[in-house]
Amino acid sequence: MAWSAPLGAEFEREHGVTESDWLATLRGAVGAHPLTLGEGRAEVAIGAAGRLELRWQVLPARAIALMRMPRLQVAYRFSGLSAEQQAGFLHYFDLFMQRGGG
């Protein structure tokens, strides 16, 4: 996963991961921030007034020759945070969610 500055308070990303793997790593990716999980959604409390809402849906696997890659479409919505605070949170989040590579 390449790191990039958020595209504003709301944006979407496609992750090459199963929903069960996403859920298994989500708690670690938010660090010490409180996390509330629901069906296809999560909410992260960031500081006194900040919040990140995550909503996801499973997409059909991407097929490349005989390989199949799982896909998850995730919508991010920040509130109560500056652009710098969002970027700081996402930097850690992205590092934690990074898989494979080298």
N, C-alpha and C. Protein backbone atom coordinates (compact mmCIF):
# COMPACT_ATOMS: atom_id res chain seq x y z
N MET A 1 0.85 -1.18 0.00
CA MET A 1 0.00 0.00 0.00
C MET A 1 0.89 1.23 0.00
N ALA A 2 0.63 2.12 -0.89
CA ALA A 2 1.37 3.38 -0.93
C ALA A 2 0.72 4.36 0.03
N TRP A 3 1.55 5.17 0.65
CA TRP A 3 1.01 6.17 1.58
C TRP A 3 0.76 7.46 0.84
N SER A 4 -0.35 8.07 1.14
CA SER A 4 -0.68 9.36 0.54
C SER A 4 -1.45 10.17 1.54
N ALA A 5 -1.39 11.47 1.38
CA ALA A 5 -2.16 12.35 2.25
C ALA A 5 -3.64 12.10 2.00
N PRO A 6 -4.47 12.23 3.03
CA PRO A 6 -5.90 12.04 2.82
C PRO A 6 -6.45 13.04 1.80
N LEU A 7 -7.49 12.63 1.15
CA LEU A 7 -8.09 13.47 0.11
C LEU A 7 -9.18 14.36 0.69
N GLY A 8 -9.07 14.71 1.94
CA GLY A 8 -10.09 15.49 2.62
C GLY A 8 -10.65 14.67 3.77
N ALA A 9 -11.74 15.16 4.33
CA ALA A 9 -12.34 14.48 5.48
C ALA A 9 -13.00 13.17 5.10
N GLU A 10 -13.39 13.02 3.82
CA GLU A 10 -14.04 11.79 3.36
C GLU A 10 -13.36 11.29 2.10
N PHE A 11 -13.05 10.01 2.08
CA PHE A 11 -12.45 9.39 0.90
C PHE A 11 -12.66 7.89 0.98
N GLU A 12 -12.38 7.20 -0.12
CA GLU A 12 -12.51 5.75 -0.16
C GLU A 12 -11.21 5.12 -0.65
N ARG A 13 -10.99 3.91 -0.19
CA ARG A 13 -9.83 3.13 -0.61
C ARG A 13 -10.28 1.70 -0.86
N GLU A 14 -9.58 1.04 -1.76
CA GLU A 14 -9.79 -0.39 -1.96
C GLU A 14 -8.60 -1.11 -1.33
N HIS A 15 -8.89 -2.07 -0.48
CA HIS A 15 -7.86 -2.86 0.20
C HIS A 15 -7.89 -4.28 -0.34
N GLY A 16 -6.73 -4.84 -0.60
CA GLY A 16 -6.62 -6.23 -1.06
C GLY A 16 -6.55 -7.17 0.12
N VAL A 17 -7.66 -7.34 0.80
CA VAL A 17 -7.70 -8.12 2.03
C VAL A 17 -9.10 -8.70 2.21
N THR A 18 -9.19 -9.82 2.91
CA THR A 18 -10.51 -10.36 3.25
C THR A 18 -11.08 -9.57 4.43
N GLU A 19 -12.37 -9.66 4.62
CA GLU A 19 -12.99 -8.96 5.74
C GLU A 19 -12.47 -9.51 7.07
N SER A 20 -12.26 -10.81 7.16
CA SER A 20 -11.76 -11.39 8.42
C SER A 20 -10.34 -10.91 8.72
N ASP A 21 -9.48 -10.79 7.70
CA ASP A 21 -8.13 -10.25 7.92
C ASP A 21 -8.18 -8.78 8.30
N TRP A 22 -9.06 -8.02 7.66
CA TRP A 22 -9.26 -6.59 7.99
C TRP A 22 -9.62 -6.45 9.46
N LEU A 23 -10.58 -7.24 9.91
CA LEU A 23 -11.02 -7.16 11.30
C LEU A 23 -9.93 -7.61 12.27
N ALA A 24 -9.14 -8.58 11.86
CA ALA A 24 -8.07 -9.09 12.73
C ALA A 24 -6.98 -8.05 12.95
N THR A 25 -6.74 -7.17 11.98
CA THR A 25 -5.68 -6.18 12.12
C THR A 25 -6.18 -4.79 12.50
N LEU A 26 -7.48 -4.57 12.42
CA LEU A 26 -8.02 -3.23 12.67
C LEU A 26 -7.72 -2.73 14.08
N ARG A 27 -7.87 -3.58 15.09
CA ARG A 27 -7.61 -3.14 16.47
C ARG A 27 -6.19 -2.63 16.65
N GLY A 28 -5.24 -3.32 16.08
CA GLY A 28 -3.85 -2.87 16.18
C GLY A 28 -3.58 -1.61 15.38
N ALA A 29 -4.27 -1.48 14.24
CA ALA A 29 -4.05 -0.33 13.37
C ALA A 29 -4.52 0.98 13.98
N VAL A 30 -5.50 0.92 14.89
CA VAL A 30 -5.98 2.16 15.51
C VAL A 30 -5.20 2.49 16.78
N GLY A 31 -4.25 1.64 17.14
CA GLY A 31 -3.41 1.91 18.31
C GLY A 31 -4.23 1.91 19.59
N ALA A 32 -3.97 2.89 20.44
CA ALA A 32 -4.65 2.97 21.74
C ALA A 32 -6.00 3.66 21.66
N HIS A 33 -6.42 4.07 20.47
CA HIS A 33 -7.71 4.76 20.33
C HIS A 33 -8.87 3.79 20.51
N PRO A 34 -9.90 4.19 21.23
CA PRO A 34 -11.07 3.32 21.42
C PRO A 34 -11.73 2.99 20.07
N LEU A 35 -12.11 1.73 19.91
CA LEU A 35 -12.69 1.23 18.67
C LEU A 35 -14.03 0.58 18.98
N THR A 36 -15.06 0.96 18.23
CA THR A 36 -16.38 0.34 18.34
C THR A 36 -16.68 -0.32 17.00
N LEU A 37 -16.99 -1.61 17.04
CA LEU A 37 -17.25 -2.36 15.81
C LEU A 37 -18.74 -2.66 15.66
N GLY A 38 -19.18 -2.67 14.40
CA GLY A 38 -20.53 -3.08 14.05
C GLY A 38 -20.46 -3.86 12.75
N GLU A 39 -21.59 -4.25 12.24
CA GLU A 39 -21.65 -5.01 10.98
C GLU A 39 -21.24 -4.11 9.82
N GLY A 40 -20.06 -4.36 9.25
CA GLY A 40 -19.58 -3.59 8.11
C GLY A 40 -19.21 -2.16 8.44
N ARG A 41 -18.94 -1.88 9.70
CA ARG A 41 -18.60 -0.51 10.08
C ARG A 41 -17.79 -0.53 11.37
N ALA A 42 -17.10 0.59 11.61
CA ALA A 42 -16.36 0.79 12.85
C ALA A 42 -16.27 2.29 13.10
N GLU A 43 -16.10 2.63 14.36
CA GLU A 43 -15.90 4.02 14.75
C GLU A 43 -14.70 4.08 15.68
N VAL A 44 -13.82 5.04 15.42
CA VAL A 44 -12.61 5.22 16.21
C VAL A 44 -12.67 6.60 16.85
N ALA A 45 -12.53 6.67 18.17
CA ALA A 45 -12.45 7.95 18.87
C ALA A 45 -10.99 8.37 18.88
N ILE A 46 -10.73 9.58 18.40
CA ILE A 46 -9.36 10.08 18.30
C ILE A 46 -9.27 11.38 19.10
N GLY A 47 -8.63 11.32 20.25
CA GLY A 47 -8.53 12.50 21.09
C GLY A 47 -9.88 12.85 21.71
N ALA A 48 -9.98 14.11 22.15
CA ALA A 48 -11.18 14.55 22.86
C ALA A 48 -12.39 14.71 21.94
N ALA A 49 -12.17 15.17 20.71
CA ALA A 49 -13.31 15.47 19.84
C ALA A 49 -13.23 14.82 18.47
N GLY A 50 -12.15 14.12 18.18
CA GLY A 50 -11.98 13.55 16.84
C GLY A 50 -12.64 12.20 16.70
N ARG A 51 -12.98 11.89 15.45
CA ARG A 51 -13.63 10.62 15.18
C ARG A 51 -13.34 10.19 13.75
N LEU A 52 -13.21 8.90 13.58
CA LEU A 52 -13.09 8.30 12.25
C LEU A 52 -14.17 7.25 12.13
N GLU A 53 -15.00 7.39 11.13
CA GLU A 53 -16.00 6.37 10.82
C GLU A 53 -15.51 5.59 9.62
N LEU A 54 -15.53 4.28 9.73
CA LEU A 54 -15.15 3.38 8.65
C LEU A 54 -16.37 2.54 8.26
N ARG A 55 -16.61 2.45 6.98
CA ARG A 55 -17.66 1.57 6.46
C ARG A 55 -17.06 0.78 5.32
N TRP A 56 -17.34 -0.52 5.28
CA TRP A 56 -16.75 -1.33 4.23
C TRP A 56 -17.75 -2.31 3.66
N GLN A 57 -17.41 -2.74 2.44
CA GLN A 57 -18.18 -3.79 1.79
C GLN A 57 -17.22 -4.69 1.02
N VAL A 58 -17.54 -5.95 1.01
CA VAL A 58 -16.73 -6.93 0.30
C VAL A 58 -17.03 -6.82 -1.19
N LEU A 59 -15.99 -6.75 -1.99
CA LEU A 59 -16.12 -6.70 -3.45
C LEU A 59 -15.73 -8.07 -4.02
N PRO A 60 -16.14 -8.35 -5.25
CA PRO A 60 -15.69 -9.59 -5.88
C PRO A 60 -14.17 -9.61 -5.99
N ALA A 61 -13.60 -10.79 -5.89
CA ALA A 61 -12.14 -10.92 -5.98
C ALA A 61 -11.65 -10.44 -7.34
N ARG A 62 -10.46 -9.86 -7.34
CA ARG A 62 -9.83 -9.44 -8.59
C ARG A 62 -9.07 -10.66 -9.14
N ALA A 63 -9.30 -10.95 -10.41
CA ALA A 63 -8.65 -12.09 -11.05
C ALA A 63 -7.55 -11.61 -11.98
N ILE A 64 -6.36 -12.14 -11.77
CA ILE A 64 -5.21 -11.86 -12.64
C ILE A 64 -4.66 -13.23 -13.01
N ALA A 65 -4.89 -13.64 -14.24
CA ALA A 65 -4.56 -15.00 -14.69
C ALA A 65 -5.23 -15.98 -13.74
N LEU A 66 -4.48 -16.85 -13.09
CA LEU A 66 -5.08 -17.82 -12.17
C LEU A 66 -5.13 -17.33 -10.72
N MET A 67 -4.57 -16.16 -10.49
CA MET A 67 -4.54 -15.61 -9.13
C MET A 67 -5.86 -14.89 -8.82
N ARG A 68 -6.31 -15.01 -7.59
CA ARG A 68 -7.49 -14.30 -7.12
C ARG A 68 -7.10 -13.48 -5.89
N MET A 69 -7.39 -12.19 -5.93
CA MET A 69 -7.06 -11.30 -4.82
C MET A 69 -8.36 -10.78 -4.19
N PRO A 70 -8.52 -10.97 -2.88
CA PRO A 70 -9.72 -10.44 -2.23
C PRO A 70 -9.71 -8.92 -2.27
N ARG A 71 -10.90 -8.33 -2.22
CA ARG A 71 -11.00 -6.87 -2.24
C ARG A 71 -12.04 -6.41 -1.23
N LEU A 72 -11.73 -5.31 -0.59
CA LEU A 72 -12.62 -4.68 0.36
C LEU A 72 -12.64 -3.19 0.07
N GLN A 73 -13.81 -2.63 -0.19
CA GLN A 73 -13.96 -1.19 -0.41
C GLN A 73 -14.24 -0.54 0.93
N VAL A 74 -13.40 0.41 1.33
CA VAL A 74 -13.53 1.04 2.65
C VAL A 74 -13.71 2.54 2.48
N ALA A 75 -14.77 3.07 3.09
CA ALA A 75 -15.02 4.51 3.12
C ALA A 75 -14.54 5.05 4.46
N TYR A 76 -13.76 6.13 4.42
CA TYR A 76 -13.20 6.79 5.60
C TYR A 76 -13.90 8.14 5.75
N ARG A 77 -14.32 8.46 6.97
CA ARG A 77 -14.90 9.79 7.21
C ARG A 77 -14.39 10.30 8.56
N PHE A 78 -13.53 11.32 8.49
CA PHE A 78 -12.99 11.97 9.68
C PHE A 78 -13.87 13.14 10.07
N SER A 79 -13.93 13.40 11.37
CA SER A 79 -14.57 14.62 11.86
C SER A 79 -13.83 15.08 13.11
N GLY A 80 -13.79 16.39 13.32
CA GLY A 80 -13.18 16.96 14.52
C GLY A 80 -11.66 16.93 14.54
N LEU A 81 -11.02 16.70 13.40
CA LEU A 81 -9.56 16.65 13.33
C LEU A 81 -9.05 17.57 12.24
N SER A 82 -7.87 18.13 12.45
CA SER A 82 -7.22 18.92 11.40
C SER A 82 -6.64 17.97 10.35
N ALA A 83 -6.26 18.52 9.22
CA ALA A 83 -5.64 17.71 8.17
C ALA A 83 -4.35 17.07 8.68
N GLU A 84 -3.60 17.79 9.51
CA GLU A 84 -2.35 17.25 10.05
C GLU A 84 -2.63 16.08 11.00
N GLN A 85 -3.67 16.20 11.83
CA GLN A 85 -4.03 15.11 12.74
C GLN A 85 -4.50 13.88 11.96
N GLN A 86 -5.27 14.11 10.91
CA GLN A 86 -5.71 13.00 10.06
C GLN A 86 -4.51 12.28 9.45
N ALA A 87 -3.58 13.07 8.90
CA ALA A 87 -2.40 12.49 8.25
C ALA A 87 -1.56 11.71 9.26
N GLY A 88 -1.41 12.22 10.47
CA GLY A 88 -0.66 11.52 11.51
C GLY A 88 -1.31 10.20 11.87
N PHE A 89 -2.62 10.20 12.02
CA PHE A 89 -3.33 8.96 12.32
C PHE A 89 -3.17 7.97 11.18
N LEU A 90 -3.37 8.43 9.94
CA LEU A 90 -3.30 7.54 8.79
C LEU A 90 -1.90 6.98 8.56
N HIS A 91 -0.88 7.74 8.91
CA HIS A 91 0.48 7.24 8.74
C HIS A 91 0.68 5.96 9.55
N TYR A 92 0.30 6.00 10.82
CA TYR A 92 0.43 4.80 11.66
C TYR A 92 -0.51 3.70 11.16
N PHE A 93 -1.75 4.06 10.86
CA PHE A 93 -2.75 3.11 10.39
C PHE A 93 -2.23 2.37 9.15
N ASP A 94 -1.72 3.12 8.18
CA ASP A 94 -1.23 2.52 6.94
C ASP A 94 -0.01 1.63 7.18
N LEU A 95 0.90 2.07 8.04
CA LEU A 95 2.06 1.23 8.35
C LEU A 95 1.63 -0.09 8.97
N PHE A 96 0.65 -0.03 9.86
CA PHE A 96 0.19 -1.24 10.53
C PHE A 96 -0.53 -2.16 9.55
N MET A 97 -1.29 -1.61 8.64
CA MET A 97 -2.07 -2.40 7.69
C MET A 97 -1.23 -2.93 6.52
N GLN A 98 -0.02 -2.40 6.35
CA GLN A 98 0.82 -2.83 5.23
C GLN A 98 1.11 -4.32 5.35
N ARG A 99 0.98 -4.99 4.22
CA ARG A 99 1.17 -6.44 4.20
C ARG A 99 2.17 -6.79 3.11
N GLY A 100 2.99 -7.78 3.39
CA GLY A 100 3.93 -8.26 2.37
C GLY A 100 4.90 -7.17 1.96
N GLY A 101 5.25 -7.15 0.71
CA GLY A 101 6.16 -6.11 0.22
C GLY A 101 7.56 -6.32 0.77
N GLY A 102 8.37 -5.34 0.52
CA GLY A 102 9.74 -5.48 1.01
C GLY A 102 10.54 -4.26 0.82
